[in-house]
Amino acid sequence: MLVWLLLSIAPTLQAQRLGEGWGYLIPLPAQRATVGLYQAKITTLTGNRIVGILYDANESQLLVTRDNPNKEKAIRVSVIDLKAVRRVSLYPQTGWFAGPLEGAVIGGVGVGYLTYQSLQKSPPRSPAVFGLHLALGISGGASLGALIGSYIQALTARPILRLRVQNGRPDEQVGQLRPYSYRYQVGVMERIPE
């Protein structure tokens, strides 16, 4: 897990040494910055629930899409009137496979190690049977770990922003939602010189 963390952080960050202490972490200049996507769960006054990526937020409406704006050129957008919104919850858009993948790796390694230790105590007659038992142990542990990882990911998902629109003015809430929208982030990145 520590190796995976280091490998995922190392290519995107570079430390700059300033005097005696460490300086700031800055992105490498050869890499393009990507736009962070945020999952919006919107509940309307009528009780309808709309889930999708927050595409844009203005004074009168929210725009939500199910398509990935980073990958697709033409996307379909749902328009929700802000006056019809009761509650908005924003979650960071992590890959749906992150929890199951980590669970599969941990489960596969853990059960594979236990299977290997068990086979060392009472070895089978053939190396092929040894390999078959080890492969079945690893695949069973990986499957169980992926299942547990997906449940843990679903249970521990916490919103980074939760808004309840009261009888007051809903457009006051847009200022909190706008920095998480895709179009706002693209606009900020276009202003940054490369």
N, C-alpha and C. Protein backbone atom coordinates (compact mmCIF):
# COMPACT_ATOMS: atom_id res chain seq x y z
N MET A 1 0.83 -1.19 0.00
CA MET A 1 0.00 0.00 0.00
C MET A 1 0.88 1.25 0.00
N LEU A 2 1.95 1.23 0.80
CA LEU A 2 2.84 2.37 0.86
C LEU A 2 3.55 2.56 -0.47
N VAL A 3 3.95 1.46 -1.11
CA VAL A 3 4.61 1.55 -2.41
C VAL A 3 3.66 2.15 -3.44
N TRP A 4 2.40 1.71 -3.43
CA TRP A 4 1.40 2.23 -4.37
C TRP A 4 1.20 3.73 -4.14
N LEU A 5 1.14 4.14 -2.88
CA LEU A 5 0.96 5.55 -2.57
C LEU A 5 2.13 6.37 -3.08
N LEU A 6 3.34 5.90 -2.86
CA LEU A 6 4.52 6.63 -3.32
C LEU A 6 4.59 6.69 -4.84
N LEU A 7 4.23 5.58 -5.50
CA LEU A 7 4.25 5.58 -6.96
C LEU A 7 3.18 6.47 -7.56
N SER A 8 2.05 6.62 -6.88
CA SER A 8 1.00 7.47 -7.42
C SER A 8 1.27 8.95 -7.17
N ILE A 9 2.00 9.28 -6.12
CA ILE A 9 2.27 10.68 -5.81
C ILE A 9 3.55 11.16 -6.50
N ALA A 10 4.55 10.32 -6.60
CA ALA A 10 5.87 10.74 -7.09
C ALA A 10 5.85 11.37 -8.47
N PRO A 11 5.13 10.84 -9.47
CA PRO A 11 5.22 11.47 -10.79
C PRO A 11 4.55 12.84 -10.86
N THR A 12 3.64 13.14 -9.96
CA THR A 12 2.89 14.38 -10.09
C THR A 12 3.42 15.51 -9.23
N LEU A 13 4.27 15.22 -8.29
CA LEU A 13 4.77 16.26 -7.40
C LEU A 13 6.29 16.32 -7.42
N GLN A 14 6.82 17.49 -7.21
CA GLN A 14 8.27 17.67 -7.17
C GLN A 14 8.57 18.60 -6.01
N ALA A 15 9.50 18.21 -5.19
CA ALA A 15 9.87 19.05 -4.04
C ALA A 15 11.01 19.97 -4.43
N GLN A 16 10.94 21.19 -3.99
CA GLN A 16 11.97 22.17 -4.28
C GLN A 16 12.62 22.58 -2.96
N ARG A 17 13.93 22.42 -2.86
CA ARG A 17 14.62 22.71 -1.61
C ARG A 17 14.97 24.20 -1.55
N LEU A 18 14.56 24.84 -0.48
CA LEU A 18 14.83 26.26 -0.27
C LEU A 18 15.58 26.43 1.03
N GLY A 19 16.86 26.82 0.97
CA GLY A 19 17.65 27.06 2.17
C GLY A 19 17.76 25.81 3.02
N GLU A 20 17.43 25.93 4.31
CA GLU A 20 17.56 24.82 5.25
C GLU A 20 16.36 23.87 5.21
N GLY A 21 15.16 24.40 4.95
CA GLY A 21 13.95 23.57 5.01
C GLY A 21 13.48 23.19 3.62
N TRP A 22 12.41 22.41 3.59
CA TRP A 22 11.82 22.02 2.31
C TRP A 22 10.86 23.09 1.87
N GLY A 23 10.82 23.30 0.56
CA GLY A 23 9.95 24.32 -0.03
C GLY A 23 8.57 23.76 -0.32
N TYR A 24 7.96 24.30 -1.31
CA TYR A 24 6.60 23.93 -1.68
C TYR A 24 6.61 22.75 -2.63
N LEU A 25 5.52 22.00 -2.63
CA LEU A 25 5.35 20.94 -3.61
C LEU A 25 4.70 21.57 -4.83
N ILE A 26 5.32 21.42 -5.98
CA ILE A 26 4.80 22.03 -7.19
C ILE A 26 4.60 20.97 -8.25
N PRO A 27 3.62 21.13 -9.14
CA PRO A 27 3.44 20.15 -10.21
C PRO A 27 4.58 20.22 -11.21
N LEU A 28 4.90 19.10 -11.80
CA LEU A 28 5.94 19.06 -12.81
C LEU A 28 5.47 19.83 -14.04
N PRO A 29 6.34 20.61 -14.68
CA PRO A 29 5.89 21.43 -15.79
C PRO A 29 5.52 20.63 -17.04
N ALA A 30 6.00 19.40 -17.18
CA ALA A 30 5.72 18.63 -18.39
C ALA A 30 4.34 18.00 -18.37
N GLN A 31 3.66 18.02 -17.25
CA GLN A 31 2.37 17.37 -17.15
C GLN A 31 1.25 18.39 -17.19
N ARG A 32 0.17 18.04 -17.86
CA ARG A 32 -0.99 18.92 -17.92
C ARG A 32 -1.86 18.65 -16.70
N ALA A 33 -2.39 19.71 -16.15
CA ALA A 33 -3.29 19.56 -15.01
C ALA A 33 -4.64 19.04 -15.49
N THR A 34 -5.27 18.22 -14.68
CA THR A 34 -6.58 17.70 -15.03
C THR A 34 -7.62 18.33 -14.13
N VAL A 35 -8.82 18.35 -14.63
CA VAL A 35 -9.93 18.95 -13.89
C VAL A 35 -10.52 17.90 -12.96
N GLY A 36 -10.69 18.27 -11.69
CA GLY A 36 -11.31 17.36 -10.74
C GLY A 36 -12.82 17.30 -10.96
N LEU A 37 -13.35 16.11 -10.92
CA LEU A 37 -14.79 15.92 -11.12
C LEU A 37 -15.44 15.66 -9.77
N TYR A 38 -16.63 16.21 -9.59
CA TYR A 38 -17.35 16.06 -8.33
C TYR A 38 -18.75 15.54 -8.62
N GLN A 39 -19.12 14.49 -7.90
CA GLN A 39 -20.42 13.86 -8.02
C GLN A 39 -21.43 14.65 -7.20
N ALA A 40 -22.50 15.08 -7.84
CA ALA A 40 -23.56 15.82 -7.16
C ALA A 40 -24.77 14.92 -6.97
N LYS A 41 -25.27 14.89 -5.75
CA LYS A 41 -26.54 14.20 -5.46
C LYS A 41 -27.53 15.28 -5.07
N ILE A 42 -28.52 15.49 -5.93
CA ILE A 42 -29.46 16.59 -5.78
C ILE A 42 -30.82 16.03 -5.45
N THR A 43 -31.45 16.58 -4.41
CA THR A 43 -32.82 16.22 -4.04
C THR A 43 -33.70 17.44 -4.30
N THR A 44 -34.77 17.24 -5.04
CA THR A 44 -35.67 18.35 -5.36
C THR A 44 -36.76 18.45 -4.31
N LEU A 45 -37.55 19.52 -4.39
CA LEU A 45 -38.66 19.73 -3.45
C LEU A 45 -39.74 18.66 -3.60
N THR A 46 -39.86 18.07 -4.78
CA THR A 46 -40.85 17.02 -5.01
C THR A 46 -40.34 15.64 -4.59
N GLY A 47 -39.08 15.54 -4.17
CA GLY A 47 -38.52 14.27 -3.70
C GLY A 47 -37.73 13.52 -4.75
N ASN A 48 -37.62 14.05 -5.96
CA ASN A 48 -36.81 13.40 -6.99
C ASN A 48 -35.33 13.52 -6.64
N ARG A 49 -34.56 12.49 -7.03
CA ARG A 49 -33.12 12.51 -6.80
C ARG A 49 -32.40 12.42 -8.13
N ILE A 50 -31.46 13.32 -8.31
CA ILE A 50 -30.67 13.37 -9.53
C ILE A 50 -29.21 13.22 -9.13
N VAL A 51 -28.51 12.31 -9.81
CA VAL A 51 -27.10 12.05 -9.50
C VAL A 51 -26.30 12.23 -10.79
N GLY A 52 -25.20 12.94 -10.70
CA GLY A 52 -24.32 13.13 -11.85
C GLY A 52 -23.17 14.04 -11.50
N ILE A 53 -22.33 14.30 -12.48
CA ILE A 53 -21.17 15.16 -12.30
C ILE A 53 -21.64 16.61 -12.41
N LEU A 54 -21.22 17.44 -11.46
CA LEU A 54 -21.59 18.86 -11.48
C LEU A 54 -20.84 19.54 -12.62
N TYR A 55 -21.59 19.95 -13.65
CA TYR A 55 -20.99 20.55 -14.83
C TYR A 55 -20.88 22.06 -14.70
N ASP A 56 -21.95 22.70 -14.21
CA ASP A 56 -21.92 24.15 -14.05
C ASP A 56 -22.98 24.54 -13.03
N ALA A 57 -22.79 25.70 -12.41
CA ALA A 57 -23.76 26.24 -11.46
C ALA A 57 -23.82 27.75 -11.70
N ASN A 58 -25.03 28.26 -11.95
CA ASN A 58 -25.19 29.71 -12.07
C ASN A 58 -26.30 30.15 -11.13
N GLU A 59 -26.72 31.40 -11.22
CA GLU A 59 -27.65 31.97 -10.24
C GLU A 59 -29.04 31.35 -10.29
N SER A 60 -29.39 30.69 -11.38
CA SER A 60 -30.76 30.17 -11.50
C SER A 60 -30.84 28.67 -11.70
N GLN A 61 -29.75 28.00 -12.07
CA GLN A 61 -29.85 26.57 -12.36
C GLN A 61 -28.53 25.84 -12.13
N LEU A 62 -28.67 24.53 -11.98
CA LEU A 62 -27.53 23.61 -11.88
C LEU A 62 -27.51 22.76 -13.13
N LEU A 63 -26.34 22.50 -13.67
CA LEU A 63 -26.19 21.64 -14.82
C LEU A 63 -25.41 20.40 -14.38
N VAL A 64 -25.99 19.24 -14.63
CA VAL A 64 -25.43 17.97 -14.20
C VAL A 64 -25.35 17.04 -15.40
N THR A 65 -24.27 16.27 -15.50
CA THR A 65 -24.12 15.32 -16.60
C THR A 65 -23.70 13.96 -16.07
N ARG A 66 -24.04 12.93 -16.82
CA ARG A 66 -23.58 11.59 -16.49
C ARG A 66 -22.34 11.22 -17.31
N ASP A 67 -22.07 11.99 -18.35
CA ASP A 67 -20.90 11.75 -19.20
C ASP A 67 -19.66 12.33 -18.53
N ASN A 68 -18.50 11.83 -18.91
CA ASN A 68 -17.24 12.35 -18.38
C ASN A 68 -16.78 13.51 -19.26
N PRO A 69 -16.83 14.74 -18.76
CA PRO A 69 -16.44 15.89 -19.59
C PRO A 69 -14.96 15.90 -19.94
N ASN A 70 -14.11 15.21 -19.19
CA ASN A 70 -12.69 15.16 -19.51
C ASN A 70 -12.39 14.30 -20.73
N LYS A 71 -13.27 13.34 -21.03
CA LYS A 71 -12.99 12.39 -22.10
C LYS A 71 -13.85 12.59 -23.33
N GLU A 72 -15.07 13.04 -23.16
CA GLU A 72 -15.99 13.11 -24.28
C GLU A 72 -16.14 14.54 -24.77
N LYS A 73 -16.27 14.69 -26.09
CA LYS A 73 -16.38 16.03 -26.66
C LYS A 73 -17.80 16.55 -26.57
N ALA A 74 -18.77 15.72 -26.83
CA ALA A 74 -20.17 16.12 -26.75
C ALA A 74 -20.81 15.41 -25.56
N ILE A 75 -21.38 16.17 -24.65
CA ILE A 75 -21.99 15.58 -23.47
C ILE A 75 -23.44 16.03 -23.35
N ARG A 76 -24.23 15.21 -22.70
CA ARG A 76 -25.63 15.55 -22.43
C ARG A 76 -25.71 16.13 -21.02
N VAL A 77 -26.42 17.23 -20.90
CA VAL A 77 -26.50 17.93 -19.62
C VAL A 77 -27.96 18.02 -19.19
N SER A 78 -28.21 17.71 -17.91
CA SER A 78 -29.54 17.91 -17.32
C SER A 78 -29.56 19.26 -16.62
N VAL A 79 -30.61 20.04 -16.86
CA VAL A 79 -30.74 21.36 -16.27
C VAL A 79 -31.74 21.28 -15.13
N ILE A 80 -31.34 21.72 -13.94
CA ILE A 80 -32.20 21.68 -12.76
C ILE A 80 -32.38 23.11 -12.27
N ASP A 81 -33.63 23.53 -12.15
CA ASP A 81 -33.92 24.88 -11.65
C ASP A 81 -33.52 24.94 -10.17
N LEU A 82 -32.77 25.96 -9.81
CA LEU A 82 -32.25 26.07 -8.45
C LEU A 82 -33.36 26.29 -7.43
N LYS A 83 -34.48 26.87 -7.85
CA LYS A 83 -35.60 27.08 -6.93
C LYS A 83 -36.32 25.78 -6.58
N ALA A 84 -36.09 24.74 -7.37
CA ALA A 84 -36.73 23.45 -7.11
C ALA A 84 -35.83 22.52 -6.31
N VAL A 85 -34.66 22.99 -5.89
CA VAL A 85 -33.69 22.14 -5.18
C VAL A 85 -33.88 22.27 -3.68
N ARG A 86 -33.93 21.13 -3.01
CA ARG A 86 -34.00 21.12 -1.54
C ARG A 86 -32.62 20.91 -0.93
N ARG A 87 -31.83 19.99 -1.51
CA ARG A 87 -30.55 19.64 -0.91
C ARG A 87 -29.57 19.23 -2.01
N VAL A 88 -28.31 19.60 -1.82
CA VAL A 88 -27.23 19.21 -2.74
C VAL A 88 -26.08 18.66 -1.90
N SER A 89 -25.59 17.49 -2.27
CA SER A 89 -24.41 16.91 -1.62
C SER A 89 -23.37 16.67 -2.70
N LEU A 90 -22.13 17.09 -2.43
CA LEU A 90 -21.04 16.90 -3.39
C LEU A 90 -20.03 15.90 -2.83
N TYR A 91 -19.66 14.97 -3.68
CA TYR A 91 -18.67 13.95 -3.32
C TYR A 91 -17.53 14.02 -4.33
N PRO A 92 -16.29 13.79 -3.90
CA PRO A 92 -15.21 13.72 -4.88
C PRO A 92 -15.41 12.53 -5.79
N GLN A 93 -15.18 12.72 -7.07
CA GLN A 93 -15.37 11.65 -8.05
C GLN A 93 -14.15 10.76 -8.05
N THR A 94 -14.20 9.71 -7.27
CA THR A 94 -13.12 8.73 -7.31
C THR A 94 -13.57 7.60 -8.20
N GLY A 95 -12.63 6.90 -8.75
CA GLY A 95 -13.00 5.78 -9.60
C GLY A 95 -13.79 4.74 -8.82
N TRP A 96 -14.78 4.16 -9.47
CA TRP A 96 -15.60 3.17 -8.78
C TRP A 96 -14.79 1.93 -8.44
N PHE A 97 -13.65 1.79 -9.08
CA PHE A 97 -12.83 0.60 -8.87
C PHE A 97 -11.77 0.78 -7.80
N ALA A 98 -11.65 1.97 -7.20
CA ALA A 98 -10.56 2.21 -6.24
C ALA A 98 -10.68 1.32 -5.01
N GLY A 99 -11.84 1.27 -4.38
CA GLY A 99 -12.04 0.43 -3.20
C GLY A 99 -11.93 -1.06 -3.51
N PRO A 100 -12.64 -1.55 -4.55
CA PRO A 100 -12.50 -2.97 -4.88
C PRO A 100 -11.08 -3.37 -5.28
N LEU A 101 -10.36 -2.46 -5.96
CA LEU A 101 -9.00 -2.80 -6.37
C LEU A 101 -8.07 -2.93 -5.17
N GLU A 102 -8.15 -1.97 -4.24
CA GLU A 102 -7.32 -2.07 -3.04
C GLU A 102 -7.71 -3.30 -2.22
N GLY A 103 -9.01 -3.57 -2.11
CA GLY A 103 -9.45 -4.76 -1.39
C GLY A 103 -8.97 -6.05 -2.03
N ALA A 104 -8.98 -6.08 -3.37
CA ALA A 104 -8.53 -7.28 -4.08
C ALA A 104 -7.04 -7.52 -3.86
N VAL A 105 -6.26 -6.46 -3.89
CA VAL A 105 -4.82 -6.62 -3.68
C VAL A 105 -4.54 -7.10 -2.26
N ILE A 106 -5.17 -6.45 -1.27
CA ILE A 106 -4.93 -6.83 0.12
C ILE A 106 -5.44 -8.24 0.39
N GLY A 107 -6.63 -8.55 -0.09
CA GLY A 107 -7.19 -9.89 0.12
C GLY A 107 -6.39 -10.97 -0.59
N GLY A 108 -5.97 -10.69 -1.84
CA GLY A 108 -5.18 -11.68 -2.58
C GLY A 108 -3.85 -11.96 -1.93
N VAL A 109 -3.17 -10.91 -1.49
CA VAL A 109 -1.86 -11.09 -0.83
C VAL A 109 -2.04 -11.80 0.51
N GLY A 110 -3.03 -11.38 1.28
CA GLY A 110 -3.24 -11.97 2.60
C GLY A 110 -3.61 -13.44 2.54
N VAL A 111 -4.62 -13.78 1.76
CA VAL A 111 -5.04 -15.18 1.67
C VAL A 111 -3.99 -16.01 0.93
N GLY A 112 -3.30 -15.39 -0.06
CA GLY A 112 -2.22 -16.11 -0.74
C GLY A 112 -1.10 -16.48 0.22
N TYR A 113 -0.75 -15.56 1.11
CA TYR A 113 0.29 -15.84 2.10
C TYR A 113 -0.15 -16.96 3.05
N LEU A 114 -1.40 -16.88 3.53
CA LEU A 114 -1.90 -17.93 4.42
C LEU A 114 -1.95 -19.28 3.71
N THR A 115 -2.34 -19.29 2.44
CA THR A 115 -2.36 -20.54 1.67
C THR A 115 -0.95 -21.09 1.51
N TYR A 116 -0.01 -20.23 1.21
CA TYR A 116 1.38 -20.65 1.06
C TYR A 116 1.92 -21.25 2.36
N GLN A 117 1.65 -20.60 3.49
CA GLN A 117 2.09 -21.12 4.78
C GLN A 117 1.45 -22.48 5.07
N SER A 118 0.18 -22.62 4.73
CA SER A 118 -0.51 -23.90 4.94
C SER A 118 0.08 -25.00 4.06
N LEU A 119 0.40 -24.65 2.82
CA LEU A 119 0.98 -25.64 1.91
C LEU A 119 2.42 -26.02 2.30
N GLN A 120 3.12 -25.13 3.01
CA GLN A 120 4.45 -25.47 3.49
C GLN A 120 4.40 -26.49 4.62
N LYS A 121 3.34 -26.41 5.45
CA LYS A 121 3.22 -27.35 6.57
C LYS A 121 2.84 -28.75 6.08
N SER A 122 1.95 -28.82 5.12
CA SER A 122 1.57 -30.12 4.55
C SER A 122 1.59 -30.01 3.03
N PRO A 123 2.78 -30.21 2.42
CA PRO A 123 2.91 -30.03 0.97
C PRO A 123 2.17 -31.11 0.19
N PRO A 124 1.59 -30.73 -0.94
CA PRO A 124 0.94 -31.73 -1.80
C PRO A 124 1.99 -32.58 -2.53
N ARG A 125 1.53 -33.63 -3.20
CA ARG A 125 2.45 -34.56 -3.85
C ARG A 125 3.06 -33.99 -5.13
N SER A 126 2.35 -33.08 -5.77
CA SER A 126 2.80 -32.59 -7.07
C SER A 126 2.96 -31.07 -7.04
N PRO A 127 3.96 -30.54 -7.75
CA PRO A 127 4.10 -29.08 -7.84
C PRO A 127 2.91 -28.43 -8.55
N ALA A 128 2.27 -29.16 -9.46
CA ALA A 128 1.10 -28.61 -10.16
C ALA A 128 -0.06 -28.41 -9.19
N VAL A 129 -0.25 -29.35 -8.29
CA VAL A 129 -1.31 -29.21 -7.28
C VAL A 129 -0.98 -28.08 -6.32
N PHE A 130 0.31 -27.93 -5.98
CA PHE A 130 0.75 -26.82 -5.13
C PHE A 130 0.38 -25.48 -5.78
N GLY A 131 0.72 -25.34 -7.07
CA GLY A 131 0.40 -24.11 -7.80
C GLY A 131 -1.09 -23.87 -7.93
N LEU A 132 -1.85 -24.96 -8.14
CA LEU A 132 -3.30 -24.83 -8.26
C LEU A 132 -3.92 -24.35 -6.94
N HIS A 133 -3.50 -24.95 -5.83
CA HIS A 133 -4.00 -24.52 -4.52
C HIS A 133 -3.64 -23.05 -4.25
N LEU A 134 -2.41 -22.67 -4.57
CA LEU A 134 -1.97 -21.30 -4.34
C LEU A 134 -2.76 -20.31 -5.21
N ALA A 135 -2.98 -20.67 -6.48
CA ALA A 135 -3.75 -19.80 -7.38
C ALA A 135 -5.19 -19.66 -6.92
N LEU A 136 -5.79 -20.75 -6.48
CA LEU A 136 -7.17 -20.69 -5.98
C LEU A 136 -7.25 -19.86 -4.70
N GLY A 137 -6.26 -19.99 -3.84
CA GLY A 137 -6.25 -19.18 -2.62
C GLY A 137 -6.13 -17.69 -2.92
N ILE A 138 -5.23 -17.34 -3.83
CA ILE A 138 -5.05 -15.93 -4.19
C ILE A 138 -6.29 -15.37 -4.85
N SER A 139 -6.88 -16.12 -5.80
CA SER A 139 -8.07 -15.61 -6.50
C SER A 139 -9.27 -15.53 -5.57
N GLY A 140 -9.42 -16.48 -4.67
CA GLY A 140 -10.52 -16.40 -3.71
C GLY A 140 -10.36 -15.23 -2.76
N GLY A 141 -9.13 -15.00 -2.28
CA GLY A 141 -8.87 -13.86 -1.40
C GLY A 141 -9.08 -12.54 -2.12
N ALA A 142 -8.66 -12.47 -3.40
CA ALA A 142 -8.85 -11.25 -4.17
C ALA A 142 -10.34 -10.97 -4.40
N SER A 143 -11.11 -12.01 -4.68
CA SER A 143 -12.56 -11.82 -4.88
C SER A 143 -13.23 -11.34 -3.60
N LEU A 144 -12.91 -11.97 -2.50
CA LEU A 144 -13.50 -11.57 -1.23
C LEU A 144 -13.05 -10.16 -0.84
N GLY A 145 -11.78 -9.84 -1.07
CA GLY A 145 -11.27 -8.50 -0.77
C GLY A 145 -11.93 -7.44 -1.63
N ALA A 146 -12.16 -7.73 -2.91
CA ALA A 146 -12.84 -6.77 -3.79
C ALA A 146 -14.26 -6.52 -3.34
N LEU A 147 -14.95 -7.55 -2.91
CA LEU A 147 -16.32 -7.40 -2.41
C LEU A 147 -16.34 -6.55 -1.14
N ILE A 148 -15.46 -6.85 -0.21
CA ILE A 148 -15.40 -6.08 1.03
C ILE A 148 -14.97 -4.64 0.75
N GLY A 149 -14.01 -4.45 -0.16
CA GLY A 149 -13.55 -3.10 -0.52
C GLY A 149 -14.65 -2.25 -1.13
N SER A 150 -15.50 -2.86 -1.95
CA SER A 150 -16.59 -2.09 -2.55
C SER A 150 -17.62 -1.68 -1.51
N TYR A 151 -17.90 -2.55 -0.54
CA TYR A 151 -18.83 -2.18 0.53
C TYR A 151 -18.25 -1.10 1.43
N ILE A 152 -16.98 -1.20 1.75
CA ILE A 152 -16.35 -0.18 2.60
C ILE A 152 -16.34 1.17 1.88
N GLN A 153 -16.05 1.16 0.57
CA GLN A 153 -16.05 2.41 -0.18
C GLN A 153 -17.44 3.04 -0.20
N ALA A 154 -18.48 2.22 -0.35
CA ALA A 154 -19.84 2.76 -0.37
C ALA A 154 -20.25 3.30 1.00
N LEU A 155 -19.80 2.66 2.08
CA LEU A 155 -20.20 3.09 3.42
C LEU A 155 -19.42 4.31 3.91
N THR A 156 -18.19 4.47 3.45
CA THR A 156 -17.36 5.56 3.98
C THR A 156 -17.35 6.79 3.08
N ALA A 157 -18.14 6.81 2.01
CA ALA A 157 -18.18 7.99 1.14
C ALA A 157 -18.83 9.14 1.91
N ARG A 158 -18.08 10.20 2.11
CA ARG A 158 -18.58 11.36 2.85
C ARG A 158 -18.59 12.56 1.94
N PRO A 159 -19.63 13.38 2.02
CA PRO A 159 -19.67 14.56 1.16
C PRO A 159 -18.66 15.61 1.60
N ILE A 160 -18.11 16.31 0.63
CA ILE A 160 -17.21 17.42 0.95
C ILE A 160 -17.99 18.71 1.12
N LEU A 161 -19.21 18.73 0.61
CA LEU A 161 -20.05 19.91 0.74
C LEU A 161 -21.50 19.45 0.75
N ARG A 162 -22.25 19.92 1.72
CA ARG A 162 -23.67 19.58 1.80
C ARG A 162 -24.44 20.88 2.04
N LEU A 163 -25.36 21.17 1.13
CA LEU A 163 -26.15 22.39 1.22
C LEU A 163 -27.62 22.06 1.35
N ARG A 164 -28.28 22.75 2.26
CA ARG A 164 -29.73 22.67 2.37
C ARG A 164 -30.28 24.03 1.98
N VAL A 165 -31.06 24.06 0.95
CA VAL A 165 -31.62 25.32 0.48
C VAL A 165 -32.87 25.61 1.29
N GLN A 166 -32.85 26.68 2.04
CA GLN A 166 -34.00 27.06 2.88
C GLN A 166 -34.95 27.93 2.08
N ASN A 167 -35.91 28.51 2.74
CA ASN A 167 -36.87 29.37 2.06
C ASN A 167 -36.24 30.68 1.59
N GLY A 168 -35.00 30.90 1.97
CA GLY A 168 -34.31 32.12 1.55
C GLY A 168 -33.96 32.06 0.08
N ARG A 169 -32.96 32.84 -0.30
CA ARG A 169 -32.57 32.93 -1.69
C ARG A 169 -31.62 31.78 -2.05
N PRO A 170 -32.01 30.92 -2.99
CA PRO A 170 -31.13 29.80 -3.35
C PRO A 170 -29.88 30.23 -4.10
N ASP A 171 -29.90 31.42 -4.73
CA ASP A 171 -28.72 31.82 -5.50
C ASP A 171 -27.54 32.18 -4.61
N GLU A 172 -27.77 32.37 -3.30
CA GLU A 172 -26.65 32.60 -2.38
C GLU A 172 -25.82 31.33 -2.20
N GLN A 173 -26.43 30.18 -2.41
CA GLN A 173 -25.73 28.91 -2.26
C GLN A 173 -24.81 28.61 -3.44
N VAL A 174 -25.05 29.24 -4.58
CA VAL A 174 -24.28 28.92 -5.79
C VAL A 174 -22.81 29.26 -5.61
N GLY A 175 -22.52 30.29 -4.84
CA GLY A 175 -21.12 30.66 -4.60
C GLY A 175 -20.33 29.53 -3.98
N GLN A 176 -20.97 28.68 -3.20
CA GLN A 176 -20.28 27.54 -2.60
C GLN A 176 -20.16 26.38 -3.59
N LEU A 177 -21.10 26.25 -4.50
CA LEU A 177 -21.08 25.15 -5.46
C LEU A 177 -20.18 25.42 -6.66
N ARG A 178 -20.09 26.67 -7.07
CA ARG A 178 -19.42 27.01 -8.32
C ARG A 178 -17.97 26.53 -8.40
N PRO A 179 -17.13 26.67 -7.37
CA PRO A 179 -15.73 26.21 -7.52
C PRO A 179 -15.58 24.72 -7.79
N TYR A 180 -16.61 23.93 -7.51
CA TYR A 180 -16.53 22.49 -7.74
C TYR A 180 -17.04 22.10 -9.13
N SER A 181 -17.57 23.06 -9.88
CA SER A 181 -18.13 22.72 -11.20
C SER A 181 -17.02 22.58 -12.23
N TYR A 182 -17.29 21.78 -13.23
CA TYR A 182 -16.31 21.49 -14.28
C TYR A 182 -15.98 22.76 -15.06
N ARG A 183 -16.98 23.53 -15.47
CA ARG A 183 -16.73 24.72 -16.29
C ARG A 183 -15.92 25.78 -15.53
N TYR A 184 -16.16 25.92 -14.25
CA TYR A 184 -15.40 26.89 -13.45
C TYR A 184 -13.92 26.50 -13.41
N GLN A 185 -13.65 25.22 -13.18
CA GLN A 185 -12.27 24.75 -13.10
C GLN A 185 -11.55 24.87 -14.44
N VAL A 186 -12.27 24.60 -15.54
CA VAL A 186 -11.66 24.75 -16.86
C VAL A 186 -11.33 26.22 -17.11
N GLY A 187 -12.22 27.13 -16.70
CA GLY A 187 -11.96 28.56 -16.86
C GLY A 187 -10.75 29.01 -16.06
N VAL A 188 -10.58 28.48 -14.87
CA VAL A 188 -9.41 28.83 -14.05
C VAL A 188 -8.13 28.32 -14.71
N MET A 189 -8.16 27.11 -15.25
CA MET A 189 -6.96 26.53 -15.87
C MET A 189 -6.60 27.25 -17.15
N GLU A 190 -7.58 27.77 -17.87
CA GLU A 190 -7.27 28.50 -19.10
C GLU A 190 -6.59 29.82 -18.80
N ARG A 191 -6.80 30.37 -17.60
CA ARG A 191 -6.15 31.63 -17.25
C ARG A 191 -4.72 31.44 -16.75
N ILE A 192 -4.36 30.20 -16.36
CA ILE A 192 -3.01 29.94 -15.84
C ILE A 192 -2.06 29.79 -17.02
N PRO A 193 -0.99 30.58 -17.08
CA PRO A 193 -0.04 30.43 -18.19
C PRO A 193 0.76 29.14 -18.04
N GLU A 194 1.05 28.51 -19.18
CA GLU A 194 1.81 27.27 -19.14
C GLU A 194 3.29 27.53 -19.27
